[in-house]
Amino acid sequence: MRVSGVVRLLSLIFAMVATWIFFRSYMSFSMKTVRLPRWLGSAPKETRVVHTKCSNSKPCPANFFAFKIFSGAANVVGPTLCFEDLVIMSPVKNNVGRGLNIALVNGSTGTMLRHSSFDMYSGDPQPLVKFLKEIPAGALVLVASYDDPGTKMNDELRKLFSDLGSSYAKQLGFRDSWVFLGAQDIKNKSPFEQFLKNNPDTNKYEGWPELLELEGCVPRKTL
């Protein structure tokens, strides 16, 4: 074979190898920089925000009511009572007051029956006694403290709250924090209750313990 023929053959082989290397490098670059994810497959999945009633940490099962109760914060921020996604009492609604804030709910239908606040520092305890004695059968009782729930708390009131399932009503005192959900005709103590004693050594706020938050799912009362 002539020298010129050899040169042409080597040139052809070189061109083919160079083309192959270029093509391979180009495809590798393309796959790394223009990968399908951005267009098709790996786009971030749509984040679904699951709404829960009263903004609880998890939804309630069927035949259960969702609730959330916040006590007041010192004497500055009032309490909030929410039931089945309905805010019954709150500072925004301007229907809370110093002392005890109480809402009654029908335990079968979830319908709000009535609500009120009772001044337990300088008020008369008898309206609260009357309110508690008139709770209809099967009603759920939501309670949140604000500022001072205990100064006017007498033995009669402590027994009425205990009969609703409270474990802490008997020791409730000056500026304690208390949240509670009980029921008329309850057979045992309620599992829905939190309590913090006013203690200068442990209080989060000057003169008051920290606010309490209570959420959960209470079973619907079946007739």
C-alpha atoms as a PDB file:
ATOM      1  CA  MET A   1       0.000   0.000   0.000  1.00  0.00           C
ATOM      2  CA  ARG A   2       1.276   3.391  -0.877  1.00  0.00           C
ATOM      3  CA  VAL A   3       2.217   5.871   1.779  1.00  0.00           C
ATOM      4  CA  SER A   4      -0.556   8.210   0.660  1.00  0.00           C
ATOM      5  CA  GLY A   5      -3.103   5.437   1.084  1.00  0.00           C
ATOM      6  CA  VAL A   6      -1.871   4.687   4.601  1.00  0.00           C
ATOM      7  CA  VAL A   7      -2.119   8.364   5.516  1.00  0.00           C
ATOM      8  CA  ARG A   8      -5.694   8.553   4.235  1.00  0.00           C
ATOM      9  CA  LEU A   9      -6.635   5.412   6.174  1.00  0.00           C
ATOM     10  CA  LEU A  10      -5.103   6.734   9.391  1.00  0.00           C
ATOM     11  CA  SER A  11      -6.840  10.076   8.852  1.00  0.00           C
ATOM     12  CA  LEU A  12     -10.155   8.298   8.447  1.00  0.00           C
ATOM     13  CA  ILE A  13      -9.617   6.211  11.559  1.00  0.00           C
ATOM     14  CA  PHE A  14      -8.602   9.300  13.538  1.00  0.00           C
ATOM     15  CA  ALA A  15     -11.688  11.187  12.357  1.00  0.00           C
ATOM     16  CA  MET A  16     -13.956   8.281  13.346  1.00  0.00           C
ATOM     17  CA  VAL A  17     -12.362   7.976  16.797  1.00  0.00           C
ATOM     18  CA  ALA A  18     -12.542  11.736  17.376  1.00  0.00           C
ATOM     19  CA  THR A  19     -16.186  11.780  16.308  1.00  0.00           C
ATOM     20  CA  TRP A  20     -17.015   8.893  18.639  1.00  0.00           C
ATOM     21  CA  ILE A  21     -15.241  10.559  21.578  1.00  0.00           C
ATOM     22  CA  PHE A  22     -16.998  13.876  20.880  1.00  0.00           C
ATOM     23  CA  PHE A  23     -20.385  12.231  20.539  1.00  0.00           C
ATOM     24  CA  ARG A  24     -19.945  10.257  23.759  1.00  0.00           C
ATOM     25  CA  SER A  25     -18.763  13.329  25.685  1.00  0.00           C
ATOM     26  CA  TYR A  26     -21.629  15.415  24.314  1.00  0.00           C
ATOM     27  CA  MET A  27     -24.260  12.862  25.275  1.00  0.00           C
ATOM     28  CA  SER A  28     -22.806  12.519  28.756  1.00  0.00           C
ATOM     29  CA  PHE A  29     -22.808  16.292  29.177  1.00  0.00           C
ATOM     30  CA  SER A  30     -26.347  16.560  27.871  1.00  0.00           C
ATOM     31  CA  MET A  31     -27.664  13.886  30.224  1.00  0.00           C
ATOM     32  CA  LYS A  32     -26.039  15.579  33.173  1.00  0.00           C
ATOM     33  CA  THR A  33     -27.166  19.101  32.398  1.00  0.00           C
ATOM     34  CA  VAL A  34     -30.506  18.649  30.635  1.00  0.00           C
ATOM     35  CA  ARG A  35     -31.878  15.705  32.525  1.00  0.00           C
ATOM     36  CA  LEU A  36     -35.599  14.887  32.356  1.00  0.00           C
ATOM     37  CA  PRO A  37     -36.232  15.727  36.019  1.00  0.00           C
ATOM     38  CA  ARG A  38     -36.739  19.413  35.334  1.00  0.00           C
ATOM     39  CA  TRP A  39     -39.250  18.720  32.614  1.00  0.00           C
ATOM     40  CA  LEU A  40     -40.948  15.485  33.538  1.00  0.00           C
ATOM     41  CA  GLY A  41     -40.189  13.062  36.257  1.00  0.00           C
ATOM     42  CA  SER A  42     -38.332  14.628  39.147  1.00  0.00           C
ATOM     43  CA  ALA A  43     -40.207  17.864  39.515  1.00  0.00           C
ATOM     44  CA  PRO A  44     -41.061  18.361  43.204  1.00  0.00           C
ATOM     45  CA  LYS A  45     -44.260  16.623  44.116  1.00  0.00           C
ATOM     46  CA  GLU A  46     -47.137  18.872  45.025  1.00  0.00           C
ATOM     47  CA  THR A  47     -47.290  19.290  48.799  1.00  0.00           C
ATOM     48  CA  ARG A  48     -50.768  18.650  50.117  1.00  0.00           C
ATOM     49  CA  VAL A  49     -51.680  20.594  53.226  1.00  0.00           C
ATOM     50  CA  VAL A  50     -54.061  18.477  55.287  1.00  0.00           C
ATOM     51  CA  HIS A  51     -56.520  20.656  57.168  1.00  0.00           C
ATOM     52  CA  THR A  52     -57.453  19.459  60.647  1.00  0.00           C
ATOM     53  CA  LYS A  53     -60.288  20.867  62.705  1.00  0.00           C
ATOM     54  CA  CYS A  54     -59.143  23.471  65.241  1.00  0.00           C
ATOM     55  CA  SER A  55     -55.657  23.112  63.657  1.00  0.00           C
ATOM     56  CA  ASN A  56     -55.022  20.025  65.746  1.00  0.00           C
ATOM     57  CA  SER A  57     -51.876  17.950  65.230  1.00  0.00           C
ATOM     58  CA  LYS A  58     -53.896  15.089  63.708  1.00  0.00           C
ATOM     59  CA  PRO A  59     -57.444  14.514  62.454  1.00  0.00           C
ATOM     60  CA  CYS A  60     -60.055  12.794  64.574  1.00  0.00           C
ATOM     61  CA  PRO A  61     -61.668   9.489  63.574  1.00  0.00           C
ATOM     62  CA  ALA A  62     -65.320   9.155  62.654  1.00  0.00           C
ATOM     63  CA  ASN A  63     -67.791   9.713  65.496  1.00  0.00           C
ATOM     64  CA  PHE A  64     -65.282  11.846  67.425  1.00  0.00           C
ATOM     65  CA  PHE A  65     -65.309  15.611  67.957  1.00  0.00           C
ATOM     66  CA  ALA A  66     -62.127  17.672  67.636  1.00  0.00           C
ATOM     67  CA  PHE A  67     -61.351  20.324  70.211  1.00  0.00           C
ATOM     68  CA  LYS A  68     -58.553  22.609  71.329  1.00  0.00           C
ATOM     69  CA  ILE A  69     -58.363  24.773  74.438  1.00  0.00           C
ATOM     70  CA  PHE A  70     -55.771  27.421  75.311  1.00  0.00           C
ATOM     71  CA  SER A  71     -55.652  28.947  78.777  1.00  0.00           C
ATOM     72  CA  GLY A  72     -54.944  32.635  79.134  1.00  0.00           C
ATOM     73  CA  ALA A  73     -51.369  33.931  79.249  1.00  0.00           C
ATOM     74  CA  ALA A  74     -50.897  35.790  82.548  1.00  0.00           C
ATOM     75  CA  ASN A  75     -53.394  38.688  82.549  1.00  0.00           C
ATOM     76  CA  VAL A  76     -52.427  39.815  79.048  1.00  0.00           C
ATOM     77  CA  VAL A  77     -53.793  37.348  76.459  1.00  0.00           C
ATOM     78  CA  GLY A  78     -57.154  35.724  76.947  1.00  0.00           C
ATOM     79  CA  PRO A  79     -57.990  32.052  76.388  1.00  0.00           C
ATOM     80  CA  THR A  80     -59.316  30.356  73.255  1.00  0.00           C
ATOM     81  CA  LEU A  81     -61.864  27.543  73.063  1.00  0.00           C
ATOM     82  CA  CYS A  82     -62.368  25.734  69.736  1.00  0.00           C
ATOM     83  CA  PHE A  83     -64.737  22.848  69.040  1.00  0.00           C
ATOM     84  CA  GLU A  84     -65.190  21.133  65.658  1.00  0.00           C
ATOM     85  CA  ASP A  85     -63.349  23.980  63.900  1.00  0.00           C
ATOM     86  CA  LEU A  86     -65.604  26.587  65.494  1.00  0.00           C
ATOM     87  CA  VAL A  87     -63.850  29.112  67.732  1.00  0.00           C
ATOM     88  CA  ILE A  88     -66.416  29.602  70.464  1.00  0.00           C
ATOM     89  CA  MET A  89     -64.497  31.998  72.712  1.00  0.00           C
ATOM     90  CA  SER A  90     -61.310  33.982  72.079  1.00  0.00           C
ATOM     91  CA  PRO A  91     -59.702  37.416  72.499  1.00  0.00           C
ATOM     92  CA  VAL A  92     -60.403  38.087  68.821  1.00  0.00           C
ATOM     93  CA  LYS A  93     -64.121  37.497  69.377  1.00  0.00           C
ATOM     94  CA  ASN A  94     -63.875  39.710  72.472  1.00  0.00           C
ATOM     95  CA  ASN A  95     -66.009  37.352  74.548  1.00  0.00           C
ATOM     96  CA  VAL A  96     -63.552  36.139  77.207  1.00  0.00           C
ATOM     97  CA  GLY A  97     -63.001  37.448  80.706  1.00  0.00           C
ATOM     98  CA  ARG A  98     -60.862  37.152  83.808  1.00  0.00           C
ATOM     99  CA  GLY A  99     -61.480  33.981  85.805  1.00  0.00           C
ATOM    100  CA  LEU A 100     -63.076  30.937  84.208  1.00  0.00           C
ATOM    101  CA  ASN A 101     -64.282  30.802  80.612  1.00  0.00           C
ATOM    102  CA  ILE A 102     -66.750  28.005  79.978  1.00  0.00           C
ATOM    103  CA  ALA A 103     -68.547  26.682  76.884  1.00  0.00           C
ATOM    104  CA  LEU A 104     -71.248  24.019  76.770  1.00  0.00           C
ATOM    105  CA  VAL A 105     -71.645  21.795  73.715  1.00  0.00           C
ATOM    106  CA  ASN A 106     -74.218  19.160  72.866  1.00  0.00           C
ATOM    107  CA  GLY A 107     -72.372  15.856  73.233  1.00  0.00           C
ATOM    108  CA  SER A 108     -74.406  14.148  70.499  1.00  0.00           C
ATOM    109  CA  THR A 109     -74.663  16.793  67.782  1.00  0.00           C
ATOM    110  CA  GLY A 110     -71.698  19.022  68.571  1.00  0.00           C
ATOM    111  CA  THR A 111     -73.943  22.082  68.599  1.00  0.00           C
ATOM    112  CA  MET A 112     -72.812  24.957  70.815  1.00  0.00           C
ATOM    113  CA  LEU A 113     -75.323  25.493  73.612  1.00  0.00           C
ATOM    114  CA  ARG A 114     -74.050  28.471  75.593  1.00  0.00           C
ATOM    115  CA  HIS A 115     -70.889  30.088  76.905  1.00  0.00           C
ATOM    116  CA  SER A 116     -69.916  32.598  79.548  1.00  0.00           C
ATOM    117  CA  SER A 117     -67.033  33.885  81.675  1.00  0.00           C
ATOM    118  CA  PHE A 118     -66.974  34.187  85.452  1.00  0.00           C
ATOM    119  CA  ASP A 119     -64.788  36.565  87.468  1.00  0.00           C
ATOM    120  CA  MET A 120     -63.160  34.391  90.121  1.00  0.00           C
ATOM    121  CA  TYR A 121     -61.124  37.170  91.736  1.00  0.00           C
ATOM    122  CA  SER A 122     -63.647  39.828  92.705  1.00  0.00           C
ATOM    123  CA  GLY A 123     -66.911  38.412  91.332  1.00  0.00           C
ATOM    124  CA  ASP A 124     -69.775  36.562  92.968  1.00  0.00           C
ATOM    125  CA  PRO A 125     -69.357  32.767  92.694  1.00  0.00           C
ATOM    126  CA  GLN A 126     -73.124  32.098  92.778  1.00  0.00           C
ATOM    127  CA  PRO A 127     -73.751  32.753  89.060  1.00  0.00           C
ATOM    128  CA  LEU A 128     -71.152  30.060  88.290  1.00  0.00           C
ATOM    129  CA  VAL A 129     -72.812  27.670  90.747  1.00  0.00           C
ATOM    130  CA  LYS A 130     -76.139  28.250  88.976  1.00  0.00           C
ATOM    131  CA  PHE A 131     -74.516  27.833  85.541  1.00  0.00           C
ATOM    132  CA  LEU A 132     -72.962  24.480  86.471  1.00  0.00           C
ATOM    133  CA  LYS A 133     -76.116  23.150  88.113  1.00  0.00           C
ATOM    134  CA  GLU A 134     -78.125  23.902  84.972  1.00  0.00           C
ATOM    135  CA  ILE A 135     -75.831  22.000  82.578  1.00  0.00           C
ATOM    136  CA  PRO A 136     -78.119  19.727  80.527  1.00  0.00           C
ATOM    137  CA  ALA A 137     -77.619  15.968  80.487  1.00  0.00           C
ATOM    138  CA  GLY A 138     -75.127  14.765  77.889  1.00  0.00           C
ATOM    139  CA  ALA A 139     -73.438  18.142  77.487  1.00  0.00           C
ATOM    140  CA  LEU A 140     -69.690  18.568  77.098  1.00  0.00           C
ATOM    141  CA  VAL A 141     -68.035  21.275  79.200  1.00  0.00           C
ATOM    142  CA  LEU A 142     -64.949  23.174  77.970  1.00  0.00           C
ATOM    143  CA  VAL A 143     -63.103  25.263  80.571  1.00  0.00           C
ATOM    144  CA  ALA A 144     -60.133  27.640  80.330  1.00  0.00           C
ATOM    145  CA  SER A 145     -58.594  29.814  83.033  1.00  0.00           C
ATOM    146  CA  TYR A 146     -57.473  33.412  82.606  1.00  0.00           C
ATOM    147  CA  ASP A 147     -55.561  35.527  85.125  1.00  0.00           C
ATOM    148  CA  ASP A 148     -57.042  34.141  88.361  1.00  0.00           C
ATOM    149  CA  PRO A 149     -59.435  31.177  88.426  1.00  0.00           C
ATOM    150  CA  GLY A 150     -59.184  30.242  92.083  1.00  0.00           C
ATOM    151  CA  THR A 151     -59.713  33.042  94.619  1.00  0.00           C
ATOM    152  CA  LYS A 152     -63.516  32.640  94.754  1.00  0.00           C
ATOM    153  CA  MET A 153     -63.457  28.894  94.224  1.00  0.00           C
ATOM    154  CA  ASN A 154     -65.465  27.400  97.103  1.00  0.00           C
ATOM    155  CA  ASP A 155     -66.181  23.813  98.147  1.00  0.00           C
ATOM    156  CA  GLU A 156     -69.477  23.697  96.269  1.00  0.00           C
ATOM    157  CA  LEU A 157     -67.827  24.726  93.011  1.00  0.00           C
ATOM    158  CA  ARG A 158     -64.969  22.292  93.501  1.00  0.00           C
ATOM    159  CA  LYS A 159     -67.448  19.434  93.899  1.00  0.00           C
ATOM    160  CA  LEU A 160     -69.441  20.489  90.831  1.00  0.00           C
ATOM    161  CA  PHE A 161     -66.309  20.510  88.673  1.00  0.00           C
ATOM    162  CA  SER A 162     -65.155  17.220  90.185  1.00  0.00           C
ATOM    163  CA  ASP A 163     -68.525  15.691  89.281  1.00  0.00           C
ATOM    164  CA  LEU A 164     -67.856  16.768  85.675  1.00  0.00           C
ATOM    165  CA  GLY A 165     -64.675  14.663  85.732  1.00  0.00           C
ATOM    166  CA  SER A 166     -62.021  17.114  86.945  1.00  0.00           C
ATOM    167  CA  SER A 167     -59.047  15.777  88.901  1.00  0.00           C
ATOM    168  CA  TYR A 168     -57.617  19.205  89.785  1.00  0.00           C
ATOM    169  CA  ALA A 169     -60.616  21.343  90.764  1.00  0.00           C
ATOM    170  CA  LYS A 170     -60.057  20.535  94.428  1.00  0.00           C
ATOM    171  CA  GLN A 171     -56.615  22.178  94.391  1.00  0.00           C
ATOM    172  CA  LEU A 172     -57.290  25.060  92.005  1.00  0.00           C
ATOM    173  CA  GLY A 173     -55.983  28.285  93.542  1.00  0.00           C
ATOM    174  CA  PHE A 174     -54.860  31.873  92.977  1.00  0.00           C
ATOM    175  CA  ARG A 175     -53.490  32.460  89.445  1.00  0.00           C
ATOM    176  CA  ASP A 176     -53.183  28.769  88.593  1.00  0.00           C
ATOM    177  CA  SER A 177     -53.418  27.707  84.932  1.00  0.00           C
ATOM    178  CA  TRP A 178     -56.154  25.219  84.103  1.00  0.00           C
ATOM    179  CA  VAL A 179     -57.742  23.759  80.959  1.00  0.00           C
ATOM    180  CA  PHE A 180     -60.367  21.041  81.078  1.00  0.00           C
ATOM    181  CA  LEU A 181     -62.975  19.190  79.066  1.00  0.00           C
ATOM    182  CA  GLY A 182     -65.537  17.277  81.078  1.00  0.00           C
ATOM    183  CA  ALA A 183     -69.077  16.019  80.696  1.00  0.00           C
ATOM    184  CA  GLN A 184     -72.339  15.812  82.536  1.00  0.00           C
ATOM    185  CA  ASP A 185     -73.030  12.292  83.832  1.00  0.00           C
ATOM    186  CA  ILE A 186     -69.407  11.217  83.306  1.00  0.00           C
ATOM    187  CA  LYS A 187     -68.573   7.912  84.994  1.00  0.00           C
ATOM    188  CA  ASN A 188     -64.807   8.327  85.440  1.00  0.00           C
ATOM    189  CA  LYS A 189     -62.305  11.150  85.599  1.00  0.00           C
ATOM    190  CA  SER A 190     -61.817  12.997  82.334  1.00  0.00           C
ATOM    191  CA  PRO A 191     -58.581  12.273  80.416  1.00  0.00           C
ATOM    192  CA  PHE A 192     -58.716  15.824  79.033  1.00  0.00           C
ATOM    193  CA  GLU A 193     -57.239  18.121  81.647  1.00  0.00           C
ATOM    194  CA  GLN A 194     -54.041  20.064  82.344  1.00  0.00           C
ATOM    195  CA  PHE A 195     -53.083  22.046  85.420  1.00  0.00           C
ATOM    196  CA  LEU A 196     -50.146  24.206  86.511  1.00  0.00           C
ATOM    197  CA  LYS A 197     -49.736  25.583  90.015  1.00  0.00           C
ATOM    198  CA  ASN A 198     -48.805  29.213  90.510  1.00  0.00           C
ATOM    199  CA  ASN A 199     -45.260  28.976  91.860  1.00  0.00           C
ATOM    200  CA  PRO A 200     -42.808  31.927  91.976  1.00  0.00           C
ATOM    201  CA  ASP A 201     -39.896  29.507  91.508  1.00  0.00           C
ATOM    202  CA  THR A 202     -41.232  27.961  88.296  1.00  0.00           C
ATOM    203  CA  ASN A 203     -43.586  30.563  86.785  1.00  0.00           C
ATOM    204  CA  LYS A 204     -42.835  31.398  83.167  1.00  0.00           C
ATOM    205  CA  TYR A 205     -44.452  34.815  83.411  1.00  0.00           C
ATOM    206  CA  GLU A 206     -43.889  37.138  86.330  1.00  0.00           C
ATOM    207  CA  GLY A 207     -46.582  36.147  88.813  1.00  0.00           C
ATOM    208  CA  TRP A 208     -48.227  33.525  86.560  1.00  0.00           C
ATOM    209  CA  PRO A 209     -47.408  30.034  85.249  1.00  0.00           C
ATOM    210  CA  GLU A 210     -47.212  29.505  81.488  1.00  0.00           C
ATOM    211  CA  LEU A 211     -50.293  29.073  79.348  1.00  0.00           C
ATOM    212  CA  LEU A 212     -51.611  25.575  78.727  1.00  0.00           C
ATOM    213  CA  GLU A 213     -52.734  23.964  75.475  1.00  0.00           C
ATOM    214  CA  LEU A 214     -55.069  20.982  75.380  1.00  0.00           C
ATOM    215  CA  GLU A 215     -56.245  19.266  72.200  1.00  0.00           C
ATOM    216  CA  GLY A 216     -57.837  15.956  71.433  1.00  0.00           C
ATOM    217  CA  CYS A 217     -60.729  13.906  70.098  1.00  0.00           C
ATOM    218  CA  VAL A 218     -63.727  13.292  72.312  1.00  0.00           C
ATOM    219  CA  PRO A 219     -66.186  10.511  71.384  1.00  0.00           C
ATOM    220  CA  ARG A 220     -69.616  11.522  70.202  1.00  0.00           C
ATOM    221  CA  LYS A 221     -72.309  10.611  72.693  1.00  0.00           C
ATOM    222  CA  THR A 222     -74.728   8.139  71.173  1.00  0.00           C
ATOM    223  CA  LEU A 223     -78.326   8.137  72.306  1.00  0.00           C
END
